[in-house]
Amino acid sequence: MRIFITALWALALFVFTCSLNFHLLIQQHVLNFRFNSSPDWSELLNLDFQWYSGEWISRKIGHFFGFFTLALLASSFGKIKSAFYWCVIYAAFTEILQLFFFRGGRIYDVINDALGILLAYFLCTIQFRRNSRITRCFKNNIR
Protein backbone atom coordinates (compact mmCIF):
# COMPACT_ATOMS: atom_id res chain seq x y z
CA MET A 1 0.00 0.00 0.00
CA ARG A 2 2.88 2.41 0.77
CA ILE A 3 4.33 1.89 -2.70
CA PHE A 4 0.96 2.69 -4.24
CA ILE A 5 0.55 5.89 -2.18
CA THR A 6 4.13 6.97 -2.98
CA ALA A 7 3.61 6.34 -6.71
CA LEU A 8 0.29 8.20 -6.58
CA TRP A 9 1.95 11.20 -4.91
CA ALA A 10 4.78 11.15 -7.48
CA LEU A 11 2.13 11.12 -10.22
CA ALA A 12 0.34 14.06 -8.57
CA LEU A 13 3.63 16.00 -8.51
CA PHE A 14 4.06 15.25 -12.22
CA VAL A 15 0.54 16.52 -12.99
CA PHE A 16 1.06 19.68 -10.93
CA THR A 17 4.42 20.44 -12.49
CA CYS A 18 3.66 19.58 -16.12
CA SER A 19 0.07 20.73 -16.55
CA LEU A 20 -0.02 23.61 -19.03
CA ASN A 21 -2.01 25.96 -16.81
CA PHE A 22 -1.59 25.43 -13.06
CA HIS A 23 -4.27 28.00 -12.19
CA LEU A 24 -6.80 26.31 -14.48
CA LEU A 25 -5.99 22.99 -12.85
CA ILE A 26 -6.40 24.28 -9.29
CA GLN A 27 -9.34 26.64 -9.77
CA GLN A 28 -11.45 24.83 -12.40
CA HIS A 29 -10.00 21.30 -12.22
CA VAL A 30 -9.09 21.32 -15.90
CA LEU A 31 -6.14 19.10 -16.77
CA ASN A 32 -4.33 20.30 -19.88
CA PHE A 33 -1.09 18.97 -21.35
CA ARG A 34 0.54 20.22 -24.54
CA PHE A 35 3.77 18.69 -25.79
CA ASN A 36 6.68 20.87 -26.88
CA SER A 37 9.04 18.89 -29.11
CA SER A 38 11.77 21.56 -29.06
CA PRO A 39 12.07 23.07 -25.58
CA ASP A 40 14.20 26.06 -24.70
CA TRP A 41 16.93 24.52 -22.51
CA SER A 42 18.12 27.95 -21.37
CA GLU A 43 14.95 28.13 -19.23
CA LEU A 44 16.68 25.85 -16.71
CA LEU A 45 19.21 28.59 -15.96
CA ASN A 46 16.66 31.41 -15.74
CA LEU A 47 16.93 33.15 -12.36
CA ASP A 48 13.60 34.96 -12.36
CA PHE A 49 13.19 35.25 -8.60
CA GLN A 50 9.98 37.06 -7.70
CA TRP A 51 10.28 37.56 -3.94
CA TYR A 52 7.64 40.30 -4.12
CA SER A 53 4.99 37.95 -5.51
CA GLY A 54 2.88 36.03 -3.02
CA GLU A 55 1.84 33.62 -5.77
CA TRP A 56 5.48 32.83 -6.64
CA ILE A 57 6.33 32.29 -2.97
CA SER A 58 3.31 29.98 -2.60
CA ARG A 59 4.52 27.89 -5.56
CA LYS A 60 7.99 27.58 -3.98
CA ILE A 61 6.46 26.52 -0.67
CA GLY A 62 4.39 23.98 -2.64
CA HIS A 63 7.57 22.65 -4.26
CA PHE A 64 9.26 22.34 -0.88
CA PHE A 65 6.42 20.51 0.85
CA GLY A 66 5.47 18.43 -2.19
CA PHE A 67 8.91 16.87 -2.36
CA PHE A 68 9.21 16.79 1.45
CA THR A 69 6.07 14.62 1.43
CA LEU A 70 7.41 12.45 -1.39
CA ALA A 71 10.64 11.86 0.54
CA LEU A 72 8.73 10.96 3.71
CA LEU A 73 6.60 8.49 1.79
CA ALA A 74 9.57 6.98 -0.06
CA SER A 75 11.75 6.73 3.05
CA SER A 76 9.18 4.65 4.86
CA PHE A 77 10.46 1.67 2.90
CA GLY A 78 13.55 1.64 5.15
CA LYS A 79 16.25 2.76 2.71
CA ILE A 80 16.40 6.40 3.77
CA LYS A 81 19.55 7.42 1.89
CA SER A 82 18.44 5.68 -1.29
CA ALA A 83 15.02 7.37 -1.06
CA PHE A 84 16.76 10.74 -0.72
CA TYR A 85 18.76 10.19 -3.92
CA TRP A 86 15.76 8.92 -5.90
CA CYS A 87 13.62 11.87 -4.81
CA VAL A 88 16.28 14.39 -5.87
CA ILE A 89 16.60 12.62 -9.23
CA TYR A 90 12.81 12.76 -9.61
CA ALA A 91 12.81 16.48 -8.73
CA ALA A 92 15.38 17.14 -11.46
CA PHE A 93 13.46 14.91 -13.87
CA THR A 94 10.20 16.83 -13.33
CA GLU A 95 11.93 20.17 -13.90
CA ILE A 96 13.39 18.91 -17.18
CA LEU A 97 10.02 17.44 -18.19
CA GLN A 98 8.37 20.82 -17.66
CA LEU A 99 10.34 22.15 -20.60
CA PHE A 100 8.58 19.61 -22.83
CA PHE A 101 5.14 20.80 -21.64
CA PHE A 102 5.52 24.55 -22.22
CA ARG A 103 6.37 25.15 -18.58
CA GLY A 104 9.50 26.79 -17.21
CA GLY A 105 11.75 24.27 -15.52
CA ARG A 106 14.26 25.88 -13.19
CA ILE A 107 17.45 24.63 -11.52
CA TYR A 108 16.57 26.68 -8.44
CA ASP A 109 13.33 24.68 -8.15
CA VAL A 110 15.38 21.49 -8.01
CA ILE A 111 17.41 23.06 -5.19
CA ASN A 112 14.19 24.07 -3.42
CA ASP A 113 12.80 20.54 -3.86
CA ALA A 114 16.08 19.09 -2.58
CA LEU A 115 15.84 21.24 0.56
CA GLY A 116 12.41 19.75 1.29
CA ILE A 117 13.79 16.28 0.63
CA LEU A 118 16.79 17.01 2.87
CA LEU A 119 14.54 18.08 5.74
CA ALA A 120 12.56 14.83 5.38
CA TYR A 121 15.84 12.89 5.28
CA PHE A 122 17.05 14.49 8.52
CA LEU A 123 13.73 13.89 10.26
CA CYS A 124 13.66 10.26 9.13
CA THR A 125 17.28 9.74 10.21
CA ILE A 126 16.53 11.18 13.66
CA GLN A 127 13.44 8.98 13.97
CA PHE A 128 15.36 5.89 12.79
CA ARG A 129 18.09 6.51 15.37
CA ARG A 130 15.52 7.08 18.11
CA ASN A 131 13.72 3.85 17.19
CA SER A 132 17.04 1.95 17.10
CA ARG A 133 17.96 3.28 20.55
CA ILE A 134 14.56 2.30 21.96
CA THR A 135 14.85 -1.17 20.40
CA ARG A 136 18.34 -1.65 21.87
CA CYS A 137 17.17 -0.54 25.31
CA PHE A 138 14.17 -2.86 25.09
CA LYS A 139 16.36 -5.82 24.09
CA ASN A 140 18.86 -5.11 26.88
CA ASN A 141 16.08 -4.96 29.49
CA ILE A 142 14.66 -8.32 28.35
CA ARG A 143 17.97 -10.13 28.90
C-alpha atoms as a PDB file:
ATOM      1  CA  MET A   1       0.000   0.000   0.000  1.00  0.00           C
ATOM      2  CA  ARG A   2       2.881   2.406   0.768  1.00  0.00           C
ATOM      3  CA  ILE A   3       4.333   1.890  -2.698  1.00  0.00           C
ATOM      4  CA  PHE A   4       0.956   2.693  -4.244  1.00  0.00           C
ATOM      5  CA  ILE A   5       0.552   5.892  -2.184  1.00  0.00           C
ATOM      6  CA  THR A   6       4.129   6.973  -2.978  1.00  0.00           C
ATOM      7  CA  ALA A   7       3.611   6.343  -6.706  1.00  0.00           C
ATOM      8  CA  LEU A   8       0.292   8.198  -6.580  1.00  0.00           C
ATOM      9  CA  TRP A   9       1.952  11.202  -4.909  1.00  0.00           C
ATOM     10  CA  ALA A  10       4.781  11.155  -7.483  1.00  0.00           C
ATOM     11  CA  LEU A  11       2.134  11.122 -10.223  1.00  0.00           C
ATOM     12  CA  ALA A  12       0.336  14.064  -8.569  1.00  0.00           C
ATOM     13  CA  LEU A  13       3.628  15.996  -8.510  1.00  0.00           C
ATOM     14  CA  PHE A  14       4.058  15.252 -12.216  1.00  0.00           C
ATOM     15  CA  VAL A  15       0.543  16.518 -12.989  1.00  0.00           C
ATOM     16  CA  PHE A  16       1.056  19.685 -10.931  1.00  0.00           C
ATOM     17  CA  THR A  17       4.425  20.441 -12.493  1.00  0.00           C
ATOM     18  CA  CYS A  18       3.660  19.581 -16.123  1.00  0.00           C
ATOM     19  CA  SER A  19       0.066  20.729 -16.550  1.00  0.00           C
ATOM     20  CA  LEU A  20      -0.019  23.613 -19.025  1.00  0.00           C
ATOM     21  CA  ASN A  21      -2.008  25.961 -16.808  1.00  0.00           C
ATOM     22  CA  PHE A  22      -1.593  25.432 -13.058  1.00  0.00           C
ATOM     23  CA  HIS A  23      -4.272  27.998 -12.188  1.00  0.00           C
ATOM     24  CA  LEU A  24      -6.799  26.315 -14.481  1.00  0.00           C
ATOM     25  CA  LEU A  25      -5.988  22.986 -12.849  1.00  0.00           C
ATOM     26  CA  ILE A  26      -6.403  24.285  -9.292  1.00  0.00           C
ATOM     27  CA  GLN A  27      -9.343  26.638  -9.775  1.00  0.00           C
ATOM     28  CA  GLN A  28     -11.451  24.829 -12.396  1.00  0.00           C
ATOM     29  CA  HIS A  29      -9.996  21.298 -12.223  1.00  0.00           C
ATOM     30  CA  VAL A  30      -9.087  21.316 -15.904  1.00  0.00           C
ATOM     31  CA  LEU A  31      -6.142  19.104 -16.768  1.00  0.00           C
ATOM     32  CA  ASN A  32      -4.332  20.295 -19.883  1.00  0.00           C
ATOM     33  CA  PHE A  33      -1.085  18.972 -21.345  1.00  0.00           C
ATOM     34  CA  ARG A  34       0.538  20.224 -24.541  1.00  0.00           C
ATOM     35  CA  PHE A  35       3.773  18.691 -25.786  1.00  0.00           C
ATOM     36  CA  ASN A  36       6.684  20.871 -26.883  1.00  0.00           C
ATOM     37  CA  SER A  37       9.041  18.889 -29.110  1.00  0.00           C
ATOM     38  CA  SER A  38      11.774  21.558 -29.063  1.00  0.00           C
ATOM     39  CA  PRO A  39      12.068  23.068 -25.585  1.00  0.00           C
ATOM     40  CA  ASP A  40      14.202  26.062 -24.697  1.00  0.00           C
ATOM     41  CA  TRP A  41      16.931  24.525 -22.510  1.00  0.00           C
ATOM     42  CA  SER A  42      18.123  27.954 -21.369  1.00  0.00           C
ATOM     43  CA  GLU A  43      14.951  28.126 -19.230  1.00  0.00           C
ATOM     44  CA  LEU A  44      16.683  25.847 -16.705  1.00  0.00           C
ATOM     45  CA  LEU A  45      19.205  28.594 -15.959  1.00  0.00           C
ATOM     46  CA  ASN A  46      16.662  31.407 -15.740  1.00  0.00           C
ATOM     47  CA  LEU A  47      16.934  33.146 -12.358  1.00  0.00           C
ATOM     48  CA  ASP A  48      13.603  34.959 -12.360  1.00  0.00           C
ATOM     49  CA  PHE A  49      13.189  35.251  -8.600  1.00  0.00           C
ATOM     50  CA  GLN A  50       9.981  37.057  -7.697  1.00  0.00           C
ATOM     51  CA  TRP A  51      10.280  37.564  -3.944  1.00  0.00           C
ATOM     52  CA  TYR A  52       7.643  40.303  -4.117  1.00  0.00           C
ATOM     53  CA  SER A  53       4.985  37.947  -5.513  1.00  0.00           C
ATOM     54  CA  GLY A  54       2.876  36.028  -3.021  1.00  0.00           C
ATOM     55  CA  GLU A  55       1.840  33.622  -5.774  1.00  0.00           C
ATOM     56  CA  TRP A  56       5.483  32.833  -6.637  1.00  0.00           C
ATOM     57  CA  ILE A  57       6.332  32.286  -2.967  1.00  0.00           C
ATOM     58  CA  SER A  58       3.306  29.981  -2.601  1.00  0.00           C
ATOM     59  CA  ARG A  59       4.517  27.891  -5.556  1.00  0.00           C
ATOM     60  CA  LYS A  60       7.989  27.584  -3.979  1.00  0.00           C
ATOM     61  CA  ILE A  61       6.457  26.518  -0.669  1.00  0.00           C
ATOM     62  CA  GLY A  62       4.395  23.984  -2.643  1.00  0.00           C
ATOM     63  CA  HIS A  63       7.574  22.652  -4.264  1.00  0.00           C
ATOM     64  CA  PHE A  64       9.262  22.345  -0.877  1.00  0.00           C
ATOM     65  CA  PHE A  65       6.422  20.513   0.855  1.00  0.00           C
ATOM     66  CA  GLY A  66       5.467  18.434  -2.194  1.00  0.00           C
ATOM     67  CA  PHE A  67       8.908  16.868  -2.356  1.00  0.00           C
ATOM     68  CA  PHE A  68       9.207  16.792   1.448  1.00  0.00           C
ATOM     69  CA  THR A  69       6.075  14.619   1.432  1.00  0.00           C
ATOM     70  CA  LEU A  70       7.412  12.450  -1.392  1.00  0.00           C
ATOM     71  CA  ALA A  71      10.640  11.857   0.537  1.00  0.00           C
ATOM     72  CA  LEU A  72       8.730  10.963   3.712  1.00  0.00           C
ATOM     73  CA  LEU A  73       6.599   8.486   1.791  1.00  0.00           C
ATOM     74  CA  ALA A  74       9.572   6.984  -0.056  1.00  0.00           C
ATOM     75  CA  SER A  75      11.754   6.729   3.048  1.00  0.00           C
ATOM     76  CA  SER A  76       9.180   4.645   4.863  1.00  0.00           C
ATOM     77  CA  PHE A  77      10.465   1.671   2.901  1.00  0.00           C
ATOM     78  CA  GLY A  78      13.555   1.636   5.155  1.00  0.00           C
ATOM     79  CA  LYS A  79      16.249   2.762   2.706  1.00  0.00           C
ATOM     80  CA  ILE A  80      16.398   6.401   3.767  1.00  0.00           C
ATOM     81  CA  LYS A  81      19.552   7.422   1.895  1.00  0.00           C
ATOM     82  CA  SER A  82      18.437   5.677  -1.289  1.00  0.00           C
ATOM     83  CA  ALA A  83      15.018   7.371  -1.061  1.00  0.00           C
ATOM     84  CA  PHE A  84      16.756  10.741  -0.722  1.00  0.00           C
ATOM     85  CA  TYR A  85      18.758  10.189  -3.925  1.00  0.00           C
ATOM     86  CA  TRP A  86      15.755   8.921  -5.901  1.00  0.00           C
ATOM     87  CA  CYS A  87      13.623  11.868  -4.812  1.00  0.00           C
ATOM     88  CA  VAL A  88      16.285  14.388  -5.871  1.00  0.00           C
ATOM     89  CA  ILE A  89      16.598  12.622  -9.226  1.00  0.00           C
ATOM     90  CA  TYR A  90      12.806  12.762  -9.611  1.00  0.00           C
ATOM     91  CA  ALA A  91      12.812  16.481  -8.732  1.00  0.00           C
ATOM     92  CA  ALA A  92      15.385  17.142 -11.464  1.00  0.00           C
ATOM     93  CA  PHE A  93      13.457  14.908 -13.870  1.00  0.00           C
ATOM     94  CA  THR A  94      10.197  16.829 -13.330  1.00  0.00           C
ATOM     95  CA  GLU A  95      11.932  20.169 -13.896  1.00  0.00           C
ATOM     96  CA  ILE A  96      13.394  18.909 -17.181  1.00  0.00           C
ATOM     97  CA  LEU A  97      10.023  17.443 -18.191  1.00  0.00           C
ATOM     98  CA  GLN A  98       8.373  20.820 -17.659  1.00  0.00           C
ATOM     99  CA  LEU A  99      10.344  22.148 -20.604  1.00  0.00           C
ATOM    100  CA  PHE A 100       8.575  19.612 -22.829  1.00  0.00           C
ATOM    101  CA  PHE A 101       5.138  20.797 -21.641  1.00  0.00           C
ATOM    102  CA  PHE A 102       5.521  24.546 -22.223  1.00  0.00           C
ATOM    103  CA  ARG A 103       6.372  25.146 -18.577  1.00  0.00           C
ATOM    104  CA  GLY A 104       9.500  26.790 -17.215  1.00  0.00           C
ATOM    105  CA  GLY A 105      11.747  24.271 -15.523  1.00  0.00           C
ATOM    106  CA  ARG A 106      14.263  25.877 -13.186  1.00  0.00           C
ATOM    107  CA  ILE A 107      17.445  24.634 -11.518  1.00  0.00           C
ATOM    108  CA  TYR A 108      16.569  26.682  -8.444  1.00  0.00           C
ATOM    109  CA  ASP A 109      13.329  24.683  -8.154  1.00  0.00           C
ATOM    110  CA  VAL A 110      15.380  21.489  -8.013  1.00  0.00           C
ATOM    111  CA  ILE A 111      17.410  23.061  -5.192  1.00  0.00           C
ATOM    112  CA  ASN A 112      14.191  24.069  -3.418  1.00  0.00           C
ATOM    113  CA  ASP A 113      12.799  20.544  -3.861  1.00  0.00           C
ATOM    114  CA  ALA A 114      16.082  19.087  -2.580  1.00  0.00           C
ATOM    115  CA  LEU A 115      15.840  21.240   0.556  1.00  0.00           C
ATOM    116  CA  GLY A 116      12.411  19.754   1.290  1.00  0.00           C
ATOM    117  CA  ILE A 117      13.791  16.283   0.631  1.00  0.00           C
ATOM    118  CA  LEU A 118      16.791  17.007   2.867  1.00  0.00           C
ATOM    119  CA  LEU A 119      14.539  18.078   5.741  1.00  0.00           C
ATOM    120  CA  ALA A 120      12.564  14.834   5.380  1.00  0.00           C
ATOM    121  CA  TYR A 121      15.843  12.887   5.283  1.00  0.00           C
ATOM    122  CA  PHE A 122      17.053  14.486   8.525  1.00  0.00           C
ATOM    123  CA  LEU A 123      13.732  13.893  10.263  1.00  0.00           C
ATOM    124  CA  CYS A 124      13.662  10.258   9.126  1.00  0.00           C
ATOM    125  CA  THR A 125      17.277   9.743  10.211  1.00  0.00           C
ATOM    126  CA  ILE A 126      16.531  11.179  13.659  1.00  0.00           C
ATOM    127  CA  GLN A 127      13.441   8.982  13.971  1.00  0.00           C
ATOM    128  CA  PHE A 128      15.357   5.894  12.793  1.00  0.00           C
ATOM    129  CA  ARG A 129      18.092   6.515  15.374  1.00  0.00           C
ATOM    130  CA  ARG A 130      15.523   7.075  18.107  1.00  0.00           C
ATOM    131  CA  ASN A 131      13.722   3.846  17.189  1.00  0.00           C
ATOM    132  CA  SER A 132      17.037   1.948  17.099  1.00  0.00           C
ATOM    133  CA  ARG A 133      17.964   3.278  20.546  1.00  0.00           C
ATOM    134  CA  ILE A 134      14.561   2.297  21.964  1.00  0.00           C
ATOM    135  CA  THR A 135      14.847  -1.173  20.402  1.00  0.00           C
ATOM    136  CA  ARG A 136      18.338  -1.652  21.868  1.00  0.00           C
ATOM    137  CA  CYS A 137      17.167  -0.543  25.306  1.00  0.00           C
ATOM    138  CA  PHE A 138      14.172  -2.864  25.089  1.00  0.00           C
ATOM    139  CA  LYS A 139      16.359  -5.824  24.091  1.00  0.00           C
ATOM    140  CA  ASN A 140      18.858  -5.112  26.884  1.00  0.00           C
ATOM    141  CA  ASN A 141      16.083  -4.957  29.493  1.00  0.00           C
ATOM    142  CA  ILE A 142      14.662  -8.321  28.346  1.00  0.00           C
ATOM    143  CA  ARG A 143      17.968 -10.129  28.895  1.00  0.00           C
END
